[in-house]
C-alpha atoms as a PDB file:
ATOM      1  CA  MET A   1       5.575  -1.266 -24.226  1.00  0.00           C
ATOM      2  CA  ILE A   2       5.154  -4.976 -25.030  1.00  0.00           C
ATOM      3  CA  GLN A   3       2.680  -5.736 -27.756  1.00  0.00           C
ATOM      4  CA  LEU A   4       0.286  -8.657 -27.428  1.00  0.00           C
ATOM      5  CA  ARG A   5       1.748 -10.152 -30.571  1.00  0.00           C
ATOM      6  CA  GLU A   6       5.160 -10.293 -28.880  1.00  0.00           C
ATOM      7  CA  LEU A   7       3.691 -12.030 -25.827  1.00  0.00           C
ATOM      8  CA  ALA A   8       2.012 -14.636 -28.004  1.00  0.00           C
ATOM      9  CA  ASN A   9       5.387 -15.570 -29.485  1.00  0.00           C
ATOM     10  CA  GLU A  10       7.049 -16.058 -26.094  1.00  0.00           C
ATOM     11  CA  PRO A  11       7.215 -19.656 -24.860  1.00  0.00           C
ATOM     12  CA  CYS A  12       4.984 -20.322 -21.853  1.00  0.00           C
ATOM     13  CA  PHE A  13       7.109 -23.167 -20.512  1.00  0.00           C
ATOM     14  CA  SER A  14      10.802 -23.807 -20.289  1.00  0.00           C
ATOM     15  CA  SER A  15      12.391 -25.874 -23.022  1.00  0.00           C
ATOM     16  CA  ARG A  16      13.328 -28.578 -20.498  1.00  0.00           C
ATOM     17  CA  SER A  17      10.294 -30.624 -19.597  1.00  0.00           C
ATOM     18  CA  ARG A  18      10.446 -32.167 -16.163  1.00  0.00           C
ATOM     19  CA  SER A  19       9.463 -35.708 -15.351  1.00  0.00           C
ATOM     20  CA  LEU A  20       6.378 -36.395 -13.291  1.00  0.00           C
ATOM     21  CA  ALA A  21       8.562 -37.562 -10.406  1.00  0.00           C
ATOM     22  CA  GLU A  22      10.468 -34.233 -10.467  1.00  0.00           C
ATOM     23  CA  GLN A  23       7.231 -32.256 -10.511  1.00  0.00           C
ATOM     24  CA  ILE A  24       5.897 -34.247  -7.564  1.00  0.00           C
ATOM     25  CA  ALA A  25       9.120 -33.825  -5.594  1.00  0.00           C
ATOM     26  CA  ASP A  26       9.005 -30.053  -6.118  1.00  0.00           C
ATOM     27  CA  ALA A  27       5.315 -29.872  -5.206  1.00  0.00           C
ATOM     28  CA  VAL A  28       5.796 -31.929  -2.036  1.00  0.00           C
ATOM     29  CA  ARG A  29       8.804 -29.822  -0.969  1.00  0.00           C
ATOM     30  CA  SER A  30       6.969 -26.542  -1.455  1.00  0.00           C
ATOM     31  CA  ARG A  31       4.525 -25.614   1.302  1.00  0.00           C
ATOM     32  CA  THR A  32       2.788 -23.190  -1.079  1.00  0.00           C
ATOM     33  CA  THR A  33       1.658 -25.755  -3.660  1.00  0.00           C
ATOM     34  CA  PRO A  34      -2.137 -25.537  -3.916  1.00  0.00           C
ATOM     35  CA  LEU A  35      -4.209 -28.613  -3.160  1.00  0.00           C
ATOM     36  CA  SER A  36      -5.644 -28.464  -6.675  1.00  0.00           C
ATOM     37  CA  GLN A  37      -2.146 -28.874  -8.148  1.00  0.00           C
ATOM     38  CA  LEU A  38      -1.412 -31.824  -5.869  1.00  0.00           C
ATOM     39  CA  LEU A  39      -4.656 -33.475  -6.968  1.00  0.00           C
ATOM     40  CA  ARG A  40      -3.794 -32.900 -10.642  1.00  0.00           C
ATOM     41  CA  LEU A  41      -0.448 -34.568 -10.054  1.00  0.00           C
ATOM     42  CA  MET A  42      -2.232 -37.509  -8.392  1.00  0.00           C
ATOM     43  CA  SER A  43      -4.444 -37.835 -11.480  1.00  0.00           C
ATOM     44  CA  ALA A  44      -1.361 -37.767 -13.703  1.00  0.00           C
ATOM     45  CA  VAL A  45       0.206 -40.572 -11.651  1.00  0.00           C
ATOM     46  CA  ASP A  46      -2.986 -42.617 -12.030  1.00  0.00           C
ATOM     47  CA  ALA A  47      -3.017 -41.976 -15.776  1.00  0.00           C
ATOM     48  CA  GLN A  48       0.550 -43.263 -16.090  1.00  0.00           C
ATOM     49  CA  GLY A  49      -0.104 -46.509 -14.295  1.00  0.00           C
ATOM     50  CA  GLY A  50      -0.101 -45.485 -10.657  1.00  0.00           C
ATOM     51  CA  ASP A  51       3.430 -45.563  -9.216  1.00  0.00           C
ATOM     52  CA  ALA A  52       2.754 -46.476  -5.563  1.00  0.00           C
ATOM     53  CA  SER A  53       5.688 -44.507  -4.106  1.00  0.00           C
ATOM     54  CA  LEU A  54       4.705 -41.293  -5.910  1.00  0.00           C
ATOM     55  CA  LYS A  55       1.094 -41.717  -4.845  1.00  0.00           C
ATOM     56  CA  GLN A  56       2.178 -42.191  -1.227  1.00  0.00           C
ATOM     57  CA  LEU A  57       4.287 -39.011  -1.338  1.00  0.00           C
ATOM     58  CA  LEU A  58       1.306 -37.065  -2.607  1.00  0.00           C
ATOM     59  CA  ARG A  59      -1.084 -38.626  -0.086  1.00  0.00           C
ATOM     60  CA  ASN A  60       1.247 -37.711   2.771  1.00  0.00           C
ATOM     61  CA  ARG A  61       1.562 -34.115   1.526  1.00  0.00           C
ATOM     62  CA  ILE A  62      -2.172 -33.721   0.882  1.00  0.00           C
ATOM     63  CA  GLY A  63      -2.984 -34.950   4.383  1.00  0.00           C
ATOM     64  CA  ALA A  64      -0.231 -32.994   6.152  1.00  0.00           C
ATOM     65  CA  PRO A  65      -1.252 -30.166   8.500  1.00  0.00           C
ATOM     66  CA  LEU A  66      -0.733 -26.693   7.047  1.00  0.00           C
ATOM     67  CA  ASP A  67       1.846 -25.774   9.684  1.00  0.00           C
ATOM     68  CA  ALA A  68       3.930 -28.944   9.155  1.00  0.00           C
END
């Protein structure tokens, strides 16, 4: 049985951090990405200066029909 102390020592994220562009590409590709995650990514783009191409990718995905 895993002890809570052991879980606390496990890393929550992989050691390789992905760029914002990589995260957005993965989120746009996946049809299961929640809208809340897409909106958080949009906020992150705005916070980093607002790359227009990344924002457009997110806008297109946010507005896409669910069955697309």
